[in-house]
Amino acid sequence: NLPTTRALISRLKADEALRQFCGWASVEAIPHESKFSRVFD
């Protein structure tokens, strides 16, 4: 129930288990917000 993509990215950076569920091994591997927007479209 995260309201924005920025909130999602912040949660991914802070929550290692969630990040691993998504498939990113490190914080650096998380894409930039602009990529989230392009892929959402």
ModelCIF file with pLDDT and N, C-alpha, C, O atoms, coordinates in Angstrom:
data_MODEL
#
_entry.id   MODEL 
#
_entity.id                         1 
_entity.type                       polymer 
_entity.pdbx_number_of_molecules   1 
#
_entity_poly.entity_id                      1 
_entity_poly.type                           'polypeptide(L)' 
_entity_poly.nstd_linkage                   no 
_entity_poly.nstd_monomer                   no 
_entity_poly.pdbx_seq_one_letter_code       NLPTTRALISRLKADEALRQFCGWASVEAIPHESKFSRVFD 
_entity_poly.pdbx_seq_one_letter_code_can   NLPTTRALISRLKADEALRQFCGWASVEAIPHESKFSRVFD 
_entity_poly.pdbx_strand_id                 A 
#
loop_
_entity_poly_seq.entity_id 
_entity_poly_seq.num 
_entity_poly_seq.mon_id 
_entity_poly_seq.hetero 
1 1  ASN n 
1 2  LEU n 
1 3  PRO n 
1 4  THR n 
1 5  THR n 
1 6  ARG n 
1 7  ALA n 
1 8  LEU n 
1 9  ILE n 
1 10 SER n 
1 11 ARG n 
1 12 LEU n 
1 13 LYS n 
1 14 ALA n 
1 15 ASP n 
1 16 GLU n 
1 17 ALA n 
1 18 LEU n 
1 19 ARG n 
1 20 GLN n 
1 21 PHE n 
1 22 CYS n 
1 23 GLY n 
1 24 TRP n 
1 25 ALA n 
1 26 SER n 
1 27 VAL n 
1 28 GLU n 
1 29 ALA n 
1 30 ILE n 
1 31 PRO n 
1 32 HIS n 
1 33 GLU n 
1 34 SER n 
1 35 LYS n 
1 36 PHE n 
1 37 SER n 
1 38 ARG n 
1 39 VAL n 
1 40 PHE n 
1 41 ASP n 
#
_struct_asym.id          A 
_struct_asym.entity_id   1 
#
loop_
_ma_qa_metric.id 
_ma_qa_metric.mode 
_ma_qa_metric.name 
_ma_qa_metric.software_group_id 
_ma_qa_metric.type 
1 global pLDDT . pLDDT 
2 local  pLDDT . pLDDT 
#
_ma_qa_metric_global.metric_id      1 
_ma_qa_metric_global.metric_value   90.88 
_ma_qa_metric_global.model_id       1 
_ma_qa_metric_global.ordinal_id     1 
#
loop_
_ma_qa_metric_local.label_asym_id 
_ma_qa_metric_local.label_comp_id 
_ma_qa_metric_local.label_seq_id 
_ma_qa_metric_local.metric_id 
_ma_qa_metric_local.metric_value 
_ma_qa_metric_local.model_id 
_ma_qa_metric_local.ordinal_id 
A ASN 1  2 91.00 1 1  
A LEU 2  2 93.00 1 2  
A PRO 3  2 94.00 1 3  
A THR 4  2 94.00 1 4  
A THR 5  2 93.00 1 5  
A ARG 6  2 94.00 1 6  
A ALA 7  2 95.00 1 7  
A LEU 8  2 94.00 1 8  
A ILE 9  2 95.00 1 9  
A SER 10 2 95.00 1 10 
A ARG 11 2 93.00 1 11 
A LEU 12 2 94.00 1 12 
A LYS 13 2 94.00 1 13 
A ALA 14 2 93.00 1 14 
A ASP 15 2 90.00 1 15 
A GLU 16 2 87.00 1 16 
A ALA 17 2 86.00 1 17 
A LEU 18 2 89.00 1 18 
A ARG 19 2 89.00 1 19 
A GLN 20 2 85.00 1 20 
A PHE 21 2 81.00 1 21 
A CYS 22 2 87.00 1 22 
A GLY 23 2 86.00 1 23 
A TRP 24 2 89.00 1 24 
A ALA 25 2 87.00 1 25 
A SER 26 2 90.00 1 26 
A VAL 27 2 92.00 1 27 
A GLU 28 2 93.00 1 28 
A ALA 29 2 91.00 1 29 
A ILE 30 2 93.00 1 30 
A PRO 31 2 92.00 1 31 
A HIS 32 2 92.00 1 32 
A GLU 33 2 92.00 1 33 
A SER 34 2 91.00 1 34 
A LYS 35 2 91.00 1 35 
A PHE 36 2 92.00 1 36 
A SER 37 2 91.00 1 37 
A ARG 38 2 90.00 1 38 
A VAL 39 2 89.00 1 39 
A PHE 40 2 89.00 1 40 
A ASP 41 2 90.00 1 41 
#
loop_
_atom_site.group_PDB 
_atom_site.id 
_atom_site.type_symbol 
_atom_site.label_atom_id 
_atom_site.label_alt_id 
_atom_site.label_comp_id 
_atom_site.label_asym_id 
_atom_site.label_entity_id 
_atom_site.label_seq_id 
_atom_site.pdbx_PDB_ins_code 
_atom_site.Cartn_x 
_atom_site.Cartn_y 
_atom_site.Cartn_z 
_atom_site.occupancy 
_atom_site.B_iso_or_equiv 
_atom_site.pdbx_formal_charge 
_atom_site.auth_seq_id 
_atom_site.auth_comp_id 
_atom_site.auth_asym_id 
_atom_site.auth_atom_id 
_atom_site.pdbx_PDB_model_num 
ATOM 1   N N  . ASN A 1 1  ? 0.824  -1.211  0.000   1.00 91.00 ? 1  ASN A N  1 
ATOM 2   C CA . ASN A 1 1  ? 0.000  0.000   0.000   1.00 91.00 ? 1  ASN A CA 1 
ATOM 3   C C  . ASN A 1 1  ? 0.860  1.265   0.000   1.00 91.00 ? 1  ASN A C  1 
ATOM 4   O O  . ASN A 1 1  ? 0.618  2.198   0.766   1.00 91.00 ? 1  ASN A O  1 
ATOM 5   N N  . LEU A 1 2  ? 1.865  1.275   -0.871  1.00 93.00 ? 2  LEU A N  1 
ATOM 6   C CA . LEU A 1 2  ? 2.751  2.432   -0.981  1.00 93.00 ? 2  LEU A CA 1 
ATOM 7   C C  . LEU A 1 2  ? 2.151  3.414   -1.976  1.00 93.00 ? 2  LEU A C  1 
ATOM 8   O O  . LEU A 1 2  ? 1.751  3.013   -3.069  1.00 93.00 ? 2  LEU A O  1 
ATOM 9   N N  . PRO A 1 3  ? 2.079  4.701   -1.618  1.00 94.00 ? 3  PRO A N  1 
ATOM 10  C CA . PRO A 1 3  ? 1.367  5.661   -2.467  1.00 94.00 ? 3  PRO A CA 1 
ATOM 11  C C  . PRO A 1 3  ? 2.120  6.084   -3.729  1.00 94.00 ? 3  PRO A C  1 
ATOM 12  O O  . PRO A 1 3  ? 1.489  6.428   -4.728  1.00 94.00 ? 3  PRO A O  1 
ATOM 13  N N  . THR A 1 4  ? 3.452  6.067   -3.705  1.00 94.00 ? 4  THR A N  1 
ATOM 14  C CA . THR A 1 4  ? 4.213  6.572   -4.846  1.00 94.00 ? 4  THR A CA 1 
ATOM 15  C C  . THR A 1 4  ? 5.354  5.624   -5.194  1.00 94.00 ? 4  THR A C  1 
ATOM 16  O O  . THR A 1 4  ? 5.732  4.751   -4.413  1.00 94.00 ? 4  THR A O  1 
ATOM 17  N N  . THR A 1 5  ? 5.884  5.826   -6.385  1.00 93.00 ? 5  THR A N  1 
ATOM 18  C CA . THR A 1 5  ? 7.049  5.049   -6.806  1.00 93.00 ? 5  THR A CA 1 
ATOM 19  C C  . THR A 1 5  ? 8.257  5.426   -5.963  1.00 93.00 ? 5  THR A C  1 
ATOM 20  O O  . THR A 1 5  ? 9.091  4.573   -5.657  1.00 93.00 ? 5  THR A O  1 
ATOM 21  N N  . ARG A 1 6  ? 8.359  6.688   -5.588  1.00 94.00 ? 6  ARG A N  1 
ATOM 22  C CA . ARG A 1 6  ? 9.468  7.103   -4.712  1.00 94.00 ? 6  ARG A CA 1 
ATOM 23  C C  . ARG A 1 6  ? 9.414  6.363   -3.378  1.00 94.00 ? 6  ARG A C  1 
ATOM 24  O O  . ARG A 1 6  ? 10.449 5.954   -2.851  1.00 94.00 ? 6  ARG A O  1 
ATOM 25  N N  . ALA A 1 7  ? 8.223  6.191   -2.838  1.00 95.00 ? 7  ALA A N  1 
ATOM 26  C CA . ALA A 1 7  ? 8.083  5.444   -1.585  1.00 95.00 ? 7  ALA A CA 1 
ATOM 27  C C  . ALA A 1 7  ? 8.490  3.988   -1.790  1.00 95.00 ? 7  ALA A C  1 
ATOM 28  O O  . ALA A 1 7  ? 9.108  3.386   -0.912  1.00 95.00 ? 7  ALA A O  1 
ATOM 29  N N  . LEU A 1 8  ? 8.150  3.426   -2.938  1.00 94.00 ? 8  LEU A N  1 
ATOM 30  C CA . LEU A 1 8  ? 8.549  2.060   -3.259  1.00 94.00 ? 8  LEU A CA 1 
ATOM 31  C C  . LEU A 1 8  ? 10.071 1.947   -3.324  1.00 94.00 ? 8  LEU A C  1 
ATOM 32  O O  . LEU A 1 8  ? 10.653 1.021   -2.758  1.00 94.00 ? 8  LEU A O  1 
ATOM 33  N N  . ILE A 1 9  ? 10.706 2.881   -4.007  1.00 95.00 ? 9  ILE A N  1 
ATOM 34  C CA . ILE A 1 9  ? 12.167 2.847   -4.138  1.00 95.00 ? 9  ILE A CA 1 
ATOM 35  C C  . ILE A 1 9  ? 12.823 2.996   -2.772  1.00 95.00 ? 9  ILE A C  1 
ATOM 36  O O  . ILE A 1 9  ? 13.795 2.300   -2.479  1.00 95.00 ? 9  ILE A O  1 
ATOM 37  N N  . SER A 1 10 ? 12.310 3.887   -1.932  1.00 95.00 ? 10 SER A N  1 
ATOM 38  C CA . SER A 1 10 ? 12.859 4.050   -0.575  1.00 95.00 ? 10 SER A CA 1 
ATOM 39  C C  . SER A 1 10 ? 12.720 2.755   0.214   1.00 95.00 ? 10 SER A C  1 
ATOM 40  O O  . SER A 1 10 ? 13.637 2.361   0.933   1.00 95.00 ? 10 SER A O  1 
ATOM 41  N N  . ARG A 1 11 ? 11.577 2.097   0.080   1.00 93.00 ? 11 ARG A N  1 
ATOM 42  C CA . ARG A 1 11 ? 11.355 0.837   0.790   1.00 93.00 ? 11 ARG A CA 1 
ATOM 43  C C  . ARG A 1 11 ? 12.298 -0.248  0.277   1.00 93.00 ? 11 ARG A C  1 
ATOM 44  O O  . ARG A 1 11 ? 12.825 -1.036  1.062   1.00 93.00 ? 11 ARG A O  1 
ATOM 45  N N  . LEU A 1 12 ? 12.512 -0.289  -1.040  1.00 94.00 ? 12 LEU A N  1 
ATOM 46  C CA . LEU A 1 12 ? 13.431 -1.263  -1.622  1.00 94.00 ? 12 LEU A CA 1 
ATOM 47  C C  . LEU A 1 12 ? 14.861 -1.048  -1.118  1.00 94.00 ? 12 LEU A C  1 
ATOM 48  O O  . LEU A 1 12 ? 15.594 -2.009  -0.886  1.00 94.00 ? 12 LEU A O  1 
ATOM 49  N N  . LYS A 1 13 ? 15.242 0.196   -0.956  1.00 94.00 ? 13 LYS A N  1 
ATOM 50  C CA . LYS A 1 13 ? 16.592 0.498   -0.469  1.00 94.00 ? 13 LYS A CA 1 
ATOM 51  C C  . LYS A 1 13 ? 16.762 0.093   0.995   1.00 94.00 ? 13 LYS A C  1 
ATOM 52  O O  . LYS A 1 13 ? 17.857 -0.282  1.415   1.00 94.00 ? 13 LYS A O  1 
ATOM 53  N N  . ALA A 1 14 ? 15.683 0.169   1.766   1.00 93.00 ? 14 ALA A N  1 
ATOM 54  C CA . ALA A 1 14 ? 15.767 -0.114  3.204   1.00 93.00 ? 14 ALA A CA 1 
ATOM 55  C C  . ALA A 1 14 ? 15.487 -1.580  3.548   1.00 93.00 ? 14 ALA A C  1 
ATOM 56  O O  . ALA A 1 14 ? 15.981 -2.074  4.562   1.00 93.00 ? 14 ALA A O  1 
ATOM 57  N N  . ASP A 1 15 ? 14.716 -2.272  2.735   1.00 90.00 ? 15 ASP A N  1 
ATOM 58  C CA . ASP A 1 15 ? 14.249 -3.618  3.055   1.00 90.00 ? 15 ASP A CA 1 
ATOM 59  C C  . ASP A 1 15 ? 14.961 -4.646  2.176   1.00 90.00 ? 15 ASP A C  1 
ATOM 60  O O  . ASP A 1 15 ? 14.608 -4.831  1.011   1.00 90.00 ? 15 ASP A O  1 
ATOM 61  N N  . GLU A 1 16 ? 15.965 -5.312  2.746   1.00 87.00 ? 16 GLU A N  1 
ATOM 62  C CA . GLU A 1 16 ? 16.758 -6.265  1.969   1.00 87.00 ? 16 GLU A CA 1 
ATOM 63  C C  . GLU A 1 16 ? 15.937 -7.451  1.485   1.00 87.00 ? 16 GLU A C  1 
ATOM 64  O O  . GLU A 1 16 ? 16.122 -7.905  0.356   1.00 87.00 ? 16 GLU A O  1 
ATOM 65  N N  . ALA A 1 17 ? 15.035 -7.961  2.319   1.00 86.00 ? 17 ALA A N  1 
ATOM 66  C CA . ALA A 1 17 ? 14.212 -9.109  1.918   1.00 86.00 ? 17 ALA A CA 1 
ATOM 67  C C  . ALA A 1 17 ? 13.334 -8.751  0.721   1.00 86.00 ? 17 ALA A C  1 
ATOM 68  O O  . ALA A 1 17 ? 13.226 -9.534  -0.223  1.00 86.00 ? 17 ALA A O  1 
ATOM 69  N N  . LEU A 1 18 ? 12.713 -7.587  0.752   1.00 89.00 ? 18 LEU A N  1 
ATOM 70  C CA . LEU A 1 18 ? 11.872 -7.146  -0.362  1.00 89.00 ? 18 LEU A CA 1 
ATOM 71  C C  . LEU A 1 18 ? 12.708 -6.987  -1.626  1.00 89.00 ? 18 LEU A C  1 
ATOM 72  O O  . LEU A 1 18 ? 12.298 -7.404  -2.709  1.00 89.00 ? 18 LEU A O  1 
ATOM 73  N N  . ARG A 1 19 ? 13.873 -6.386  -1.480  1.00 89.00 ? 19 ARG A N  1 
ATOM 74  C CA . ARG A 1 19 ? 14.773 -6.179  -2.617  1.00 89.00 ? 19 ARG A CA 1 
ATOM 75  C C  . ARG A 1 19 ? 15.147 -7.535  -3.236  1.00 89.00 ? 19 ARG A C  1 
ATOM 76  O O  . ARG A 1 19 ? 15.176 -7.665  -4.460  1.00 89.00 ? 19 ARG A O  1 
ATOM 77  N N  . GLN A 1 20 ? 15.429 -8.533  -2.408  1.00 85.00 ? 20 GLN A N  1 
ATOM 78  C CA . GLN A 1 20 ? 15.779 -9.857  -2.916  1.00 85.00 ? 20 GLN A CA 1 
ATOM 79  C C  . GLN A 1 20 ? 14.576 -10.528 -3.587  1.00 85.00 ? 20 GLN A C  1 
ATOM 80  O O  . GLN A 1 20 ? 14.734 -11.217 -4.594  1.00 85.00 ? 20 GLN A O  1 
ATOM 81  N N  . PHE A 1 21 ? 13.382 -10.330 -3.036  1.00 81.00 ? 21 PHE A N  1 
ATOM 82  C CA . PHE A 1 21 ? 12.178 -10.870 -3.665  1.00 81.00 ? 21 PHE A CA 1 
ATOM 83  C C  . PHE A 1 21 ? 12.029 -10.324 -5.079  1.00 81.00 ? 21 PHE A C  1 
ATOM 84  O O  . PHE A 1 21 ? 11.646 -11.047 -5.998  1.00 81.00 ? 21 PHE A O  1 
ATOM 85  N N  . CYS A 1 22 ? 12.332 -9.054  -5.240  1.00 87.00 ? 22 CYS A N  1 
ATOM 86  C CA . CYS A 1 22 ? 12.200 -8.427  -6.556  1.00 87.00 ? 22 CYS A CA 1 
ATOM 87  C C  . CYS A 1 22 ? 13.308 -8.861  -7.511  1.00 87.00 ? 22 CYS A C  1 
ATOM 88  O O  . CYS A 1 22 ? 13.132 -8.834  -8.729  1.00 87.00 ? 22 CYS A O  1 
ATOM 89  N N  . GLY A 1 23 ? 14.457 -9.264  -6.948  1.00 86.00 ? 23 GLY A N  1 
ATOM 90  C CA . GLY A 1 23 ? 15.530 -9.741  -7.813  1.00 86.00 ? 23 GLY A CA 1 
ATOM 91  C C  . GLY A 1 23 ? 16.759 -8.854  -7.852  1.00 86.00 ? 23 GLY A C  1 
ATOM 92  O O  . GLY A 1 23 ? 17.639 -9.061  -8.687  1.00 86.00 ? 23 GLY A O  1 
ATOM 93  N N  . TRP A 1 24 ? 16.840 -7.882  -6.978  1.00 89.00 ? 24 TRP A N  1 
ATOM 94  C CA . TRP A 1 24 ? 18.013 -7.012  -6.938  1.00 89.00 ? 24 TRP A CA 1 
ATOM 95  C C  . TRP A 1 24 ? 18.868 -7.384  -5.733  1.00 89.00 ? 24 TRP A C  1 
ATOM 96  O O  . TRP A 1 24 ? 18.395 -7.381  -4.597  1.00 89.00 ? 24 TRP A O  1 
ATOM 97  N N  . ALA A 1 25 ? 20.135 -7.704  -5.994  1.00 87.00 ? 25 ALA A N  1 
ATOM 98  C CA . ALA A 1 25 ? 21.036 -8.165  -4.936  1.00 87.00 ? 25 ALA A CA 1 
ATOM 99  C C  . ALA A 1 25 ? 21.548 -7.025  -4.069  1.00 87.00 ? 25 ALA A C  1 
ATOM 100 O O  . ALA A 1 25 ? 21.887 -7.241  -2.905  1.00 87.00 ? 25 ALA A O  1 
ATOM 101 N N  . SER A 1 26 ? 21.610 -5.828  -4.610  1.00 90.00 ? 26 SER A N  1 
ATOM 102 C CA . SER A 1 26 ? 22.165 -4.704  -3.846  1.00 90.00 ? 26 SER A CA 1 
ATOM 103 C C  . SER A 1 26 ? 21.340 -3.449  -4.089  1.00 90.00 ? 26 SER A C  1 
ATOM 104 O O  . SER A 1 26 ? 20.526 -3.388  -5.011  1.00 90.00 ? 26 SER A O  1 
ATOM 105 N N  . VAL A 1 27 ? 21.563 -2.463  -3.254  1.00 92.00 ? 27 VAL A N  1 
ATOM 106 C CA . VAL A 1 27 ? 20.873 -1.176  -3.395  1.00 92.00 ? 27 VAL A CA 1 
ATOM 107 C C  . VAL A 1 27 ? 21.249 -0.533  -4.723  1.00 92.00 ? 27 VAL A C  1 
ATOM 108 O O  . VAL A 1 27 ? 20.411 0.098   -5.367  1.00 92.00 ? 27 VAL A O  1 
ATOM 109 N N  . GLU A 1 28 ? 22.503 -0.688  -5.136  1.00 93.00 ? 28 GLU A N  1 
ATOM 110 C CA . GLU A 1 28 ? 22.971 -0.090  -6.382  1.00 93.00 ? 28 GLU A CA 1 
ATOM 111 C C  . GLU A 1 28 ? 22.278 -0.679  -7.612  1.00 93.00 ? 28 GLU A C  1 
ATOM 112 O O  . GLU A 1 28 ? 22.205 -0.031  -8.656  1.00 93.00 ? 28 GLU A O  1 
ATOM 113 N N  . ALA A 1 29 ? 21.780 -1.882  -7.492  1.00 91.00 ? 29 ALA A N  1 
ATOM 114 C CA . ALA A 1 29 ? 21.132 -2.541  -8.630  1.00 91.00 ? 29 ALA A CA 1 
ATOM 115 C C  . ALA A 1 29 ? 19.715 -2.030  -8.876  1.00 91.00 ? 29 ALA A C  1 
ATOM 116 O O  . ALA A 1 29 ? 19.154 -2.268  -9.946  1.00 91.00 ? 29 ALA A O  1 
ATOM 117 N N  . ILE A 1 30 ? 19.128 -1.333  -7.906  1.00 93.00 ? 30 ILE A N  1 
ATOM 118 C CA . ILE A 1 30 ? 17.763 -0.811  -8.063  1.00 93.00 ? 30 ILE A CA 1 
ATOM 119 C C  . ILE A 1 30 ? 17.775 0.272   -9.134  1.00 93.00 ? 30 ILE A C  1 
ATOM 120 O O  . ILE A 1 30 ? 18.576 1.203   -9.050  1.00 93.00 ? 30 ILE A O  1 
ATOM 121 N N  . PRO A 1 31 ? 16.907 0.173   -10.137 1.00 92.00 ? 31 PRO A N  1 
ATOM 122 C CA . PRO A 1 31 ? 16.885 1.177   -11.208 1.00 92.00 ? 31 PRO A CA 1 
ATOM 123 C C  . PRO A 1 31 ? 16.463 2.556   -10.706 1.00 92.00 ? 31 PRO A C  1 
ATOM 124 O O  . PRO A 1 31 ? 15.895 2.700   -9.623  1.00 92.00 ? 31 PRO A O  1 
ATOM 125 N N  . HIS A 1 32 ? 16.758 3.558   -11.524 1.00 92.00 ? 32 HIS A N  1 
ATOM 126 C CA . HIS A 1 32 ? 16.362 4.934   -11.233 1.00 92.00 ? 32 HIS A CA 1 
ATOM 127 C C  . HIS A 1 32 ? 14.840 5.082   -11.384 1.00 92.00 ? 32 HIS A C  1 
ATOM 128 O O  . HIS A 1 32 ? 14.191 4.309   -12.089 1.00 92.00 ? 32 HIS A O  1 
ATOM 129 N N  . GLU A 1 33 ? 14.309 6.069   -10.722 1.00 92.00 ? 33 GLU A N  1 
ATOM 130 C CA . GLU A 1 33 ? 12.864 6.321   -10.764 1.00 92.00 ? 33 GLU A CA 1 
ATOM 131 C C  . GLU A 1 33 ? 12.353 6.482   -12.195 1.00 92.00 ? 33 GLU A C  1 
ATOM 132 O O  . GLU A 1 33 ? 11.238 6.058   -12.498 1.00 92.00 ? 33 GLU A O  1 
ATOM 133 N N  . SER A 1 34 ? 13.141 7.082   -13.070 1.00 91.00 ? 34 SER A N  1 
ATOM 134 C CA . SER A 1 34 ? 12.703 7.285   -14.457 1.00 91.00 ? 34 SER A CA 1 
ATOM 135 C C  . SER A 1 34 ? 12.482 5.944   -15.168 1.00 91.00 ? 34 SER A C  1 
ATOM 136 O O  . SER A 1 34 ? 11.578 5.819   -15.993 1.00 91.00 ? 34 SER A O  1 
ATOM 137 N N  . LYS A 1 35 ? 13.307 4.948   -14.848 1.00 91.00 ? 35 LYS A N  1 
ATOM 138 C CA . LYS A 1 35 ? 13.124 3.636   -15.456 1.00 91.00 ? 35 LYS A CA 1 
ATOM 139 C C  . LYS A 1 35 ? 11.837 2.987   -14.957 1.00 91.00 ? 35 LYS A C  1 
ATOM 140 O O  . LYS A 1 35 ? 11.127 2.341   -15.728 1.00 91.00 ? 35 LYS A O  1 
ATOM 141 N N  . PHE A 1 36 ? 11.534 3.156   -13.673 1.00 92.00 ? 36 PHE A N  1 
ATOM 142 C CA . PHE A 1 36 ? 10.264 2.659   -13.148 1.00 92.00 ? 36 PHE A CA 1 
ATOM 143 C C  . PHE A 1 36 ? 9.100  3.270   -13.944 1.00 92.00 ? 36 PHE A C  1 
ATOM 144 O O  . PHE A 1 36 ? 8.154  2.570   -14.304 1.00 92.00 ? 36 PHE A O  1 
ATOM 145 N N  . SER A 1 37 ? 9.179  4.567   -14.210 1.00 91.00 ? 37 SER A N  1 
ATOM 146 C CA . SER A 1 37 ? 8.101  5.247   -14.948 1.00 91.00 ? 37 SER A CA 1 
ATOM 147 C C  . SER A 1 37 ? 7.985  4.732   -16.373 1.00 91.00 ? 37 SER A C  1 
ATOM 148 O O  . SER A 1 37 ? 6.881  4.461   -16.846 1.00 91.00 ? 37 SER A O  1 
ATOM 149 N N  . ARG A 1 38 ? 9.115  4.592   -17.066 1.00 90.00 ? 38 ARG A N  1 
ATOM 150 C CA . ARG A 1 38 ? 9.082  4.099   -18.450 1.00 90.00 ? 38 ARG A CA 1 
ATOM 151 C C  . ARG A 1 38 ? 8.512  2.688   -18.516 1.00 90.00 ? 38 ARG A C  1 
ATOM 152 O O  . ARG A 1 38 ? 7.692  2.384   -19.383 1.00 90.00 ? 38 ARG A O  1 
ATOM 153 N N  . VAL A 1 39 ? 8.945  1.832   -17.603 1.00 89.00 ? 39 VAL A N  1 
ATOM 154 C CA . VAL A 1 39 ? 8.480  0.447   -17.618 1.00 89.00 ? 39 VAL A CA 1 
ATOM 155 C C  . VAL A 1 39 ? 7.005  0.369   -17.212 1.00 89.00 ? 39 VAL A C  1 
ATOM 156 O O  . VAL A 1 39 ? 6.267  -0.467  -17.733 1.00 89.00 ? 39 VAL A O  1 
ATOM 157 N N  . PHE A 1 40 ? 6.571  1.232   -16.289 1.00 89.00 ? 40 PHE A N  1 
ATOM 158 C CA . PHE A 1 40 ? 5.153  1.267   -15.919 1.00 89.00 ? 40 PHE A CA 1 
ATOM 159 C C  . PHE A 1 40 ? 4.307  1.600   -17.150 1.00 89.00 ? 40 PHE A C  1 
ATOM 160 O O  . PHE A 1 40 ? 3.275  0.973   -17.384 1.00 89.00 ? 40 PHE A O  1 
ATOM 161 N N  . ASP A 1 41 ? 4.749  2.595   -17.940 1.00 90.00 ? 41 ASP A N  1 
ATOM 162 C CA . ASP A 1 41 ? 4.035  2.936   -19.176 1.00 90.00 ? 41 ASP A CA 1 
ATOM 163 C C  . ASP A 1 41 ? 4.020  1.754   -20.145 1.00 90.00 ? 41 ASP A C  1 
ATOM 164 O O  . ASP A 1 41 ? 3.462  1.859   -21.238 1.00 90.00 ? 41 ASP A O  1 
#
